[in-house]
Amino acid sequence: MTDSVKPRARAADKRRRLTTEAARVLHEQGVERTTLADIARAADVPLGNVYYYFKTKDELVSAALSEHSARLAEFTDRLDLLPDPRERLAALVQSWIDRRETAARHGCPTGTLAVELDKRADGTLDAEVAAVIRRLLEWATEQFRQLGLPEPDELAVTLVSAYQGMSLLANALRDPDLMARQGARLLRWLNALDATAPAD
C-alpha cells in the first residue's frame, strides 16, 4: 500500500466510524441531546477531526440517515434472497420482534428521528428521514404485490404503521413484551391474508 493510499484509507475509516456511531448515538439520545463531542467520543475520533468530515451537526445527522438507509437496503437485499414474498415479510416482522429490547429502550431508529426532526423550523432533514421510511414502504408494497393481494400499497402502510405504533408503545411503556405480542399478531395477520379475498 502506498503512502498516499494509507491516509485516504484512514480518513475513510474515520468517516465511517463517525457515521456508524452517529446513527447509534442519535437513536439512543436524540438529536437535541447529542453533541458532536458525544459522537466523536463514541467513534474514538478526536473532536477536532470531526469538523474535517462534518461542518455541522446537521451534516452528521444527514450522514446518520444515509446510514439508516444503507442498512435498510442491505437488510431488504438479504430478505429478497428468500424464495417467497410472504416469507420475506414474516422475516421483516421477526426482525422487529428480535430487536424488541432496543425498541423498548429507544424506539424505532428512523421513527424517533422522524418525530424529532419534524419539530424543527428549517424542514430539511425531515425530508431525508421520510425517504428512509418511503424505501421500506416501497419494498413492502412490492412484496404484497408479488403475493397478488389487492391494494398492496395500503397493506404496506398498515404493516409499517403497526410497526411504528408498537415501537412507540413499547418505548413509552418500557415493555419489550408488547413488541413481541404485537409482532406475533402481525405474523398471524400476514399468514391470514388471502389473494382471493375481494378488496374493501
Protein backbone atom coordinates (compact mmCIF):
# COMPACT_ATOMS: atom_id res chain seq x y z
CA MET A 1 0.00 0.00 0.00
CA THR A 2 1.43 3.40 -0.98
CA ASP A 3 1.80 6.28 1.47
CA SER A 4 -0.89 8.26 -0.39
CA VAL A 5 -3.40 5.42 -0.07
CA LYS A 6 -2.90 4.97 3.69
CA PRO A 7 -4.15 8.46 4.66
CA ARG A 8 -7.17 8.05 2.38
CA ALA A 9 -7.97 4.68 3.91
CA ARG A 10 -7.61 6.10 7.43
CA ALA A 11 -9.82 9.05 6.52
CA ALA A 12 -12.47 6.76 5.07
CA ASP A 13 -12.33 4.62 8.20
CA LYS A 14 -12.77 7.65 10.48
CA ARG A 15 -15.68 8.95 8.45
CA ARG A 16 -17.29 5.52 8.50
CA ARG A 17 -16.88 5.22 12.27
CA LEU A 18 -18.36 8.68 12.78
CA THR A 19 -21.35 7.87 10.58
CA THR A 20 -21.97 4.50 12.23
CA GLU A 21 -21.72 5.91 15.74
CA ALA A 22 -23.83 8.93 14.81
CA ALA A 23 -26.65 6.58 13.78
CA ARG A 24 -26.40 4.73 17.10
CA VAL A 25 -25.95 7.71 19.44
CA LEU A 26 -28.67 9.79 17.77
CA HIS A 27 -31.05 6.85 18.15
CA GLU A 28 -30.20 6.45 21.82
CA GLN A 29 -30.05 10.13 22.83
CA GLY A 30 -31.97 12.05 20.18
CA VAL A 31 -30.76 14.93 18.02
CA GLU A 32 -31.09 17.75 20.52
CA ARG A 33 -29.33 15.96 23.38
CA THR A 34 -26.47 14.69 21.23
CA THR A 35 -23.36 16.78 20.70
CA LEU A 36 -20.58 16.36 18.18
CA ALA A 37 -18.35 15.56 21.15
CA ASP A 38 -20.62 12.63 22.09
CA ILE A 39 -20.29 11.17 18.60
CA ALA A 40 -16.54 11.84 18.41
CA ARG A 41 -16.07 10.04 21.73
CA ALA A 42 -18.18 7.07 20.64
CA ALA A 43 -16.27 6.82 17.35
CA ASP A 44 -12.89 7.25 19.08
CA VAL A 45 -12.10 10.20 16.83
CA PRO A 46 -10.65 13.47 18.17
CA LEU A 47 -13.32 16.18 18.25
CA GLY A 48 -11.23 18.49 16.09
CA ASN A 49 -11.18 15.86 13.35
CA VAL A 50 -14.97 15.69 13.24
CA TYR A 51 -15.13 19.13 11.65
CA TYR A 52 -12.93 17.91 8.79
CA TYR A 53 -15.69 15.49 7.77
CA PHE A 54 -18.83 17.24 9.01
CA LYS A 55 -19.02 21.01 9.43
CA THR A 56 -22.27 20.95 11.42
CA LYS A 57 -24.31 18.53 13.49
CA ASP A 58 -26.97 18.61 10.78
CA GLU A 59 -24.45 17.22 8.29
CA LEU A 60 -23.75 14.40 10.72
CA VAL A 61 -27.49 13.77 11.20
CA SER A 62 -27.82 13.59 7.41
CA ALA A 63 -24.96 11.08 7.28
CA ALA A 64 -26.67 9.03 10.01
CA LEU A 65 -29.86 8.98 7.95
CA SER A 66 -27.84 7.75 4.97
CA GLU A 67 -26.51 5.02 7.25
CA HIS A 68 -30.07 4.01 8.19
CA SER A 69 -30.99 3.93 4.50
CA ALA A 70 -27.94 1.82 3.62
CA ARG A 71 -28.65 -0.65 6.44
CA LEU A 72 -32.26 -0.96 5.32
CA ALA A 73 -31.15 -1.58 1.73
CA GLU A 74 -28.68 -4.26 2.86
CA PHE A 75 -31.33 -5.90 5.03
CA THR A 76 -34.03 -5.94 2.36
CA ASP A 77 -31.47 -7.28 -0.14
CA ARG A 78 -30.89 -10.21 2.24
CA LEU A 79 -34.64 -10.70 2.65
CA ASP A 80 -35.01 -10.74 -1.13
CA LEU A 81 -32.93 -13.92 -1.18
CA LEU A 82 -35.84 -15.73 0.49
CA PRO A 83 -37.97 -17.52 -2.12
CA ASP A 84 -41.43 -16.35 -1.07
CA PRO A 85 -42.69 -12.77 -0.51
CA ARG A 86 -44.80 -13.81 2.49
CA GLU A 87 -41.69 -15.39 3.99
CA ARG A 88 -39.80 -12.12 3.37
CA LEU A 89 -42.49 -10.08 5.13
CA ALA A 90 -42.57 -12.52 8.03
CA ALA A 91 -38.78 -12.30 8.36
CA LEU A 92 -39.09 -8.49 8.46
CA VAL A 93 -41.62 -8.70 11.29
CA GLN A 94 -39.47 -11.26 13.12
CA SER A 95 -36.53 -8.86 12.92
CA TRP A 96 -38.67 -6.23 14.67
CA ILE A 97 -39.56 -8.74 17.38
CA ASP A 98 -35.89 -9.69 17.76
CA ARG A 99 -34.99 -6.03 18.37
CA ARG A 100 -37.73 -5.51 20.96
CA GLU A 101 -35.32 -4.71 23.82
CA THR A 102 -33.77 -1.87 21.82
CA ALA A 103 -37.20 -0.63 20.76
CA ALA A 104 -38.38 -0.60 24.36
CA ARG A 105 -35.35 1.48 25.39
CA HIS A 106 -35.12 3.86 22.43
CA GLY A 107 -38.00 3.35 19.98
CA CYS A 108 -37.63 2.84 16.23
CA PRO A 109 -34.37 4.40 14.97
CA THR A 110 -36.00 6.06 11.97
CA GLY A 111 -39.38 6.76 13.55
CA THR A 112 -37.94 8.59 16.55
CA LEU A 113 -35.78 10.73 14.27
CA ALA A 114 -38.80 11.49 12.08
CA VAL A 115 -40.78 12.79 15.05
CA GLU A 116 -37.89 14.84 16.40
CA LEU A 117 -36.83 16.35 13.08
CA ASP A 118 -40.42 17.27 12.21
CA LYS A 119 -40.40 19.75 15.13
CA ARG A 120 -37.61 21.81 13.60
CA ALA A 121 -38.34 25.00 11.74
CA ASP A 122 -35.99 24.51 8.77
CA GLY A 123 -37.65 21.33 7.48
CA THR A 124 -34.67 19.99 5.53
CA LEU A 125 -33.73 16.82 7.37
CA ASP A 126 -37.31 15.63 7.81
CA ALA A 127 -37.48 15.04 4.04
CA GLU A 128 -34.40 12.79 4.32
CA VAL A 129 -35.91 10.70 7.11
CA ALA A 130 -39.14 10.42 5.12
CA ALA A 131 -37.13 8.96 2.24
CA VAL A 132 -35.90 6.14 4.50
CA ILE A 133 -39.46 5.31 5.58
CA ARG A 134 -40.65 5.52 1.98
CA ARG A 135 -37.97 2.99 0.98
CA LEU A 136 -39.41 0.48 3.47
CA LEU A 137 -42.97 1.17 2.29
CA GLU A 138 -41.97 0.62 -1.33
CA TRP A 139 -40.23 -2.65 -0.51
CA ALA A 140 -43.22 -3.92 1.47
CA THR A 141 -45.61 -2.82 -1.29
CA GLU A 142 -43.65 -4.92 -3.78
CA GLN A 143 -43.92 -7.98 -1.54
CA PHE A 144 -47.70 -7.62 -1.23
CA ARG A 145 -47.90 -7.06 -4.99
CA GLN A 146 -46.00 -10.28 -5.65
CA LEU A 147 -48.49 -12.07 -3.42
CA GLY A 148 -51.26 -10.86 -5.74
CA LEU A 149 -53.05 -9.04 -2.93
CA PRO A 150 -55.38 -6.11 -3.64
CA GLU A 151 -54.18 -2.62 -2.67
CA PRO A 152 -50.60 -3.66 -1.89
CA ASP A 153 -49.60 -0.07 -1.12
CA GLU A 154 -52.29 0.19 1.58
CA LEU A 155 -51.22 -3.14 3.06
CA ALA A 156 -47.67 -1.82 3.25
CA VAL A 157 -48.90 1.26 5.10
CA THR A 158 -50.83 -0.97 7.52
CA LEU A 159 -47.72 -3.06 8.17
CA VAL A 160 -45.31 -0.17 8.69
CA SER A 161 -47.86 1.78 10.74
CA ALA A 162 -48.30 -1.23 13.02
CA TYR A 163 -44.52 -1.38 13.48
CA GLN A 164 -44.24 2.31 14.29
CA GLY A 165 -47.15 2.08 16.71
CA MET A 166 -45.83 -0.94 18.58
CA SER A 167 -42.34 0.59 18.73
CA LEU A 168 -43.75 3.80 20.18
CA LEU A 169 -45.85 1.98 22.78
CA ALA A 170 -43.05 -0.42 23.73
CA ASN A 171 -40.76 2.58 24.22
CA ALA A 172 -43.31 4.67 26.12
CA LEU A 173 -44.23 1.77 28.41
CA ARG A 174 -40.71 0.29 28.51
CA ASP A 175 -42.32 -3.03 27.63
CA PRO A 176 -40.46 -5.24 25.15
CA ASP A 177 -43.08 -7.96 25.56
CA LEU A 178 -45.63 -5.63 23.97
CA MET A 179 -43.44 -5.67 20.86
CA ALA A 180 -43.36 -9.47 20.92
CA ARG A 181 -47.13 -9.78 21.33
CA GLN A 182 -47.96 -7.28 18.61
CA GLY A 183 -45.33 -8.79 16.34
CA ALA A 184 -46.99 -12.19 16.77
CA ARG A 185 -50.34 -10.61 15.83
CA LEU A 186 -48.73 -9.15 12.70
CA LEU A 187 -47.37 -12.57 11.76
CA ARG A 188 -50.84 -14.08 12.11
CA TRP A 189 -52.28 -11.24 10.02
CA LEU A 190 -49.72 -11.86 7.28
CA ASN A 191 -50.48 -15.58 7.23
CA ALA A 192 -54.22 -14.92 7.02
CA LEU A 193 -54.05 -12.52 4.05
CA ASP A 194 -55.73 -14.12 1.05
CA ALA A 195 -55.13 -13.03 -2.54
CA THR A 196 -58.60 -14.25 -3.47
CA ALA A 197 -60.37 -12.03 -0.93
CA PRO A 198 -62.13 -9.02 -2.50
CA ALA A 199 -60.84 -5.54 -1.71
CA ASP A 200 -62.99 -3.46 0.67
